[in-house]
Protein backbone atom coordinates (compact mmCIF):
# COMPACT_ATOMS: atom_id res chain seq x y z
CA MET A 1 -0.17 0.14 -0.10
CA SER A 2 1.40 3.15 -0.85
CA PRO A 3 1.57 6.24 1.32
CA PHE A 4 -0.90 8.76 0.68
CA ASN A 5 0.97 11.69 -1.49
CA GLY A 6 -1.80 14.00 -2.57
CA HIS A 7 -2.68 12.24 -5.57
CA THR A 8 -6.65 11.73 -6.47
CA SER A 9 -5.57 8.20 -7.04
CA HIS A 10 -5.42 7.55 -3.22
CA ILE A 11 -8.66 8.81 -2.41
CA GLY A 12 -11.98 6.75 -3.32
CA PHE A 13 -15.22 6.02 -2.10
CA SER A 14 -17.39 3.66 -0.15
CA THR A 15 -19.59 1.66 -2.40
CA GLY A 16 -22.30 2.41 0.57
CA ALA A 17 -21.65 6.14 -0.45
CA LEU A 18 -22.13 6.34 -3.67
CA GLU A 19 -25.21 3.49 -3.89
CA ARG A 20 -26.77 2.28 -0.86
CA GLY A 21 -26.83 -1.43 -0.79
CA ASN A 22 -25.81 -1.95 -4.69
CA TYR A 23 -21.96 -2.21 -4.36
CA ARG A 24 -22.19 -3.35 -7.84
CA ASP A 25 -23.28 0.17 -9.49
CA ALA A 26 -21.12 1.80 -7.05
CA VAL A 27 -17.94 -0.55 -8.53
CA ARG A 28 -18.76 0.11 -11.79
CA TRP A 29 -19.42 3.79 -11.34
CA MET A 30 -15.73 4.05 -9.96
CA VAL A 31 -14.37 1.85 -12.60
CA GLY A 32 -16.16 4.12 -15.19
CA ASN A 33 -14.15 7.44 -13.69
CA ASN A 34 -11.15 6.08 -13.19
CA ILE A 35 -11.26 5.82 -9.22
CA HIS A 36 -8.53 3.70 -8.02
CA SER A 37 -9.36 3.40 -4.31
CA MET A 38 -12.26 2.40 -2.86
CA GLU A 39 -13.59 0.51 0.21
CA LEU A 40 -16.48 -2.22 -0.05
CA SER A 41 -18.99 -1.62 2.64
CA ALA A 42 -21.30 -4.53 4.30
CA LEU A 43 -22.67 -1.92 7.10
CA ARG A 44 -25.40 -3.87 7.64
CA PHE A 45 -25.18 -7.03 8.81
CA ASP A 46 -27.41 -8.82 5.76
CA GLU A 47 -25.26 -7.40 3.15
CA LEU A 48 -22.03 -9.26 4.23
CA GLU A 49 -22.56 -12.08 3.26
CA PRO A 50 -23.87 -11.80 -0.26
CA LEU A 51 -21.17 -9.11 -0.84
CA VAL A 52 -18.29 -11.71 0.19
CA SER A 53 -19.82 -14.20 -1.81
CA SER A 54 -19.42 -11.71 -5.47
CA LEU A 55 -15.90 -10.72 -4.69
CA GLY A 56 -14.74 -12.70 -7.59
CA ASP A 57 -17.28 -11.12 -9.75
CA LEU A 58 -16.24 -7.63 -9.23
CA PRO A 59 -13.54 -6.11 -11.37
CA LEU A 60 -11.57 -5.51 -8.58
CA ASP A 61 -7.97 -5.90 -10.81
CA LYS A 62 -9.01 -1.97 -11.48
CA PHE A 63 -8.38 -0.82 -8.00
CA ASP A 64 -4.82 -0.20 -6.70
CA TYR A 65 -6.35 -0.39 -2.88
CA VAL A 66 -9.47 -2.00 -1.76
CA SER A 67 -10.66 -2.19 1.91
CA PHE A 68 -13.79 -3.78 3.66
CA HIS A 69 -16.38 -2.47 6.10
CA ALA A 70 -17.79 -4.92 8.41
CA PRO A 71 -21.00 -4.38 9.83
CA SER A 72 -21.49 -1.74 12.11
CA SER A 73 -24.26 -3.49 13.95
CA PHE A 74 -24.50 -7.22 14.99
CA SER A 75 -25.57 -8.76 18.51
CA PRO A 76 -22.61 -10.74 20.24
CA ASP A 77 -24.00 -14.11 19.11
CA ARG A 78 -23.61 -13.40 15.47
CA GLU A 79 -19.47 -12.04 16.15
CA GLU A 80 -18.14 -15.63 15.35
CA GLN A 81 -20.25 -15.36 11.94
CA VAL A 82 -19.06 -12.07 11.02
CA ILE A 83 -15.62 -13.35 11.58
CA ASP A 84 -15.77 -16.55 9.82
CA LEU A 85 -17.92 -14.32 6.83
CA LEU A 86 -14.41 -12.02 7.03
CA GLN A 87 -11.82 -14.67 6.29
CA PRO A 88 -12.05 -14.60 2.18
CA VAL A 89 -11.51 -10.57 2.74
CA TYR A 90 -8.30 -11.49 5.02
CA ARG A 91 -7.25 -13.69 2.42
CA ARG A 92 -6.99 -11.38 -0.16
CA GLY A 93 -5.09 -9.27 2.06
CA TRP A 94 -7.26 -6.29 2.42
CA ASN A 95 -7.71 -4.63 5.16
CA ILE A 96 -11.01 -4.81 7.60
CA VAL A 97 -12.61 -1.85 8.92
CA VAL A 98 -14.36 -2.50 12.01
CA HIS A 99 -16.29 0.12 14.62
CA PRO A 100 -15.33 -1.10 18.16
CA ASP A 101 -18.63 -1.54 19.97
CA VAL A 102 -18.84 -4.70 17.79
CA ILE A 103 -15.64 -6.21 18.84
CA TYR A 104 -17.30 -7.84 21.77
CA THR A 105 -14.01 -10.42 22.57
CA PRO A 106 -11.27 -8.89 21.10
CA ALA A 107 -9.33 -12.53 21.05
CA ARG A 108 -11.51 -13.46 18.34
CA TRP A 109 -10.36 -10.94 16.15
CA LEU A 110 -6.15 -11.07 16.84
CA ARG A 111 -6.48 -13.53 13.93
CA PHE A 112 -6.56 -10.22 11.76
CA GLY A 113 -3.55 -8.42 12.78
CA GLU A 114 -2.33 -5.78 11.35
CA GLN A 115 -5.21 -5.80 8.78
CA LEU A 116 -8.16 -5.23 11.15
CA LEU A 117 -8.63 -1.19 11.35
CA ILE A 118 -10.17 -0.10 14.20
CA GLU A 119 -12.42 3.32 13.58
CA ASN A 120 -12.55 6.09 15.95
CA MET A 121 -16.40 6.82 16.72
CA ASP A 122 -18.72 9.89 16.88
CA ARG A 123 -20.61 10.79 20.20
CA ARG A 124 -23.29 8.07 19.60
CA LYS A 125 -21.14 5.32 20.56
CA PRO A 126 -19.67 4.51 24.30
CA ILE A 127 -16.21 3.56 23.25
CA GLY A 128 -13.73 4.26 20.72
CA ARG A 129 -13.93 8.06 20.25
CA THR A 130 -10.71 9.32 22.06
CA SER A 131 -7.45 8.53 22.44
CA THR A 132 -7.31 7.18 25.87
CA GLU A 133 -10.50 5.12 24.38
CA LEU A 134 -8.53 3.99 21.22
CA THR A 135 -5.29 3.61 23.73
CA ASP A 136 -7.43 0.84 25.46
CA LEU A 137 -8.52 -1.15 22.74
CA PHE A 138 -5.25 -1.00 21.28
CA SER A 139 -3.90 -2.63 24.35
CA ARG A 140 -6.17 -5.42 23.31
CA LEU A 141 -5.70 -5.80 20.05
CA PRO A 142 -1.59 -4.58 19.89
CA LYS A 143 -1.39 -5.28 16.13
CA ALA A 144 -4.38 -3.54 14.94
CA ARG A 145 -4.38 -0.42 13.36
CA LEU A 146 -6.74 2.90 12.80
CA CYS A 147 -8.91 3.70 10.35
CA LEU A 148 -8.89 7.88 11.02
CA ASP A 149 -12.61 8.92 10.40
CA VAL A 150 -12.20 12.63 10.51
CA ALA A 151 -15.48 13.83 10.61
CA HIS A 152 -16.19 11.61 13.91
CA ALA A 153 -13.39 13.33 15.46
CA ARG A 154 -14.39 16.89 14.40
CA GLN A 155 -18.02 16.43 15.55
CA MET A 156 -16.42 15.33 18.97
CA ASP A 157 -14.41 18.51 19.17
CA THR A 158 -14.71 21.26 17.17
CA THR A 159 -11.77 23.05 17.65
CA LEU A 160 -9.95 20.06 16.17
CA THR A 161 -7.71 19.50 18.96
CA LEU A 162 -8.89 15.87 19.59
CA LEU A 163 -8.43 14.95 16.00
CA TRP A 164 -5.00 16.19 16.00
CA ASP A 165 -4.27 14.32 19.45
CA ILE A 166 -5.18 10.99 17.68
CA ILE A 167 -3.17 11.67 14.93
CA ARG A 168 -0.16 12.44 16.95
CA ARG A 169 -0.39 9.58 19.28
CA PHE A 170 -1.27 7.20 16.42
CA ALA A 171 0.79 8.50 13.71
CA ASP A 172 2.23 5.20 13.01
CA ARG A 173 -1.19 3.12 12.94
CA VAL A 174 -3.02 5.04 10.50
CA ALA A 175 -3.84 2.74 7.94
CA GLU A 176 -7.04 4.45 6.12
CA ILE A 177 -8.82 7.93 6.35
CA HIS A 178 -12.32 8.31 6.11
CA ILE A 179 -13.74 11.99 5.21
CA SER A 180 -16.85 13.58 5.19
CA GLU A 181 -18.84 15.83 7.44
CA LEU A 182 -21.93 14.76 9.63
CA ASP A 183 -24.74 16.47 10.21
CA SER A 184 -26.91 16.98 13.43
CA ARG A 185 -28.62 13.59 13.62
CA CYS A 186 -24.51 11.99 12.48
CA ARG A 187 -24.98 11.15 9.19
CA HIS A 188 -22.29 11.86 6.52
CA GLN A 189 -23.07 14.40 3.97
CA PRO A 190 -21.48 16.55 1.34
CA MET A 191 -18.63 18.68 2.98
CA SER A 192 -19.12 22.16 3.18
CA ARG A 193 -16.30 24.76 2.84
CA GLY A 194 -15.64 24.99 6.79
CA ALA A 195 -14.95 21.17 6.92
CA VAL A 196 -12.59 21.23 3.90
CA MET A 197 -10.81 24.27 5.84
CA ASP A 198 -10.67 22.74 9.08
CA TYR A 199 -9.35 19.29 7.76
CA LYS A 200 -6.78 21.26 5.92
CA LYS A 201 -5.57 22.91 8.76
CA VAL A 202 -4.42 19.70 10.47
CA MET A 203 -4.10 17.26 7.78
CA ALA A 204 -1.01 19.70 6.39
CA ARG A 205 0.44 19.82 9.85
CA ALA A 206 0.45 15.73 9.28
CA GLY A 207 1.93 15.45 6.06
CA TRP A 208 1.92 11.81 5.47
CA LEU A 209 -0.86 9.60 5.84
CA ALA A 210 -2.71 6.72 4.07
CA PRO A 211 -5.46 6.32 1.35
CA VAL A 212 -8.32 8.24 1.87
CA ILE A 213 -12.24 7.24 1.35
CA VAL A 214 -14.71 9.30 0.69
CA GLU A 215 -17.97 8.63 2.93
CA SER A 216 -20.28 11.46 1.85
CA MET A 217 -23.85 10.06 1.05
CA LEU A 218 -23.73 10.48 -2.73
CA ASP A 219 -26.44 8.19 -3.49
CA ARG A 220 -28.33 8.22 -6.78
CA ASP A 221 -26.99 9.26 -10.21
CA ARG A 222 -24.89 12.38 -8.96
CA SER A 223 -22.11 11.83 -10.73
CA GLU A 224 -21.23 15.82 -10.75
CA LEU A 225 -21.56 15.88 -7.26
CA ARG A 226 -19.33 12.82 -6.91
CA GLN A 227 -16.42 14.58 -8.41
CA ASN A 228 -16.70 17.64 -6.64
CA GLU A 229 -16.44 15.61 -3.30
CA LEU A 230 -13.46 14.25 -4.49
CA LEU A 231 -11.84 17.35 -5.03
CA LEU A 232 -12.64 18.70 -2.27
CA ALA A 233 -11.14 15.62 -0.47
CA LYS A 234 -7.63 16.34 -2.28
CA GLU A 235 -8.06 19.76 -1.24
CA ALA A 236 -8.77 18.59 2.34
CA MET A 237 -5.88 16.49 2.12
CA SER A 238 -3.19 18.96 0.65
CA SER A 239 -0.42 21.09 2.61
CA GLY A 240 -0.52 23.51 -0.40
């Protein structure tokens, strides 16, 4: 995996942001628009098995970076089933993004090693929001890395102190970045100029990082808006 260097080839989309529940159309759009980084999204439990089963049918060779977002909500009795279904993803060498509140038994997730990416959370969740909470998670999953969601951190602390603190403390663990803006109901939406400028302030100080996945909800055929969001993400991540 190449480090982020400001080129748009290292910025892509979550399939769930482009087409809710329709990953095939999302992948097709990205291929047609020369997007080379992608996160396959199975945020809902019922989406997991169909998506994993169809991996061999997708034009994945068109992408330089592919990651996989595991379901964000499921009961503890389904944890082992989810982990088993993620095995083909792990064998492909892809990063697996997981919300910390569904890691019910950390020892079960150790098998994914550094391919397990713990995502920092927004205010709706009880854990994984701050540097202290992330430190506790990494103590139990020492090889896991971080999926840095800048919108989650910005929502938790609009002064951006928290975002910078997470970057500073876990710089060596950041393997993927999620970018968007959150509305008052914590839904991912297209970025405002204010959000772009906020992210740019912090990311210019960081000066490196990783593949960037746009999570702004851009479903239904909005090609112009998608391309604009791609340019905003590039601007937010640039140091110039």
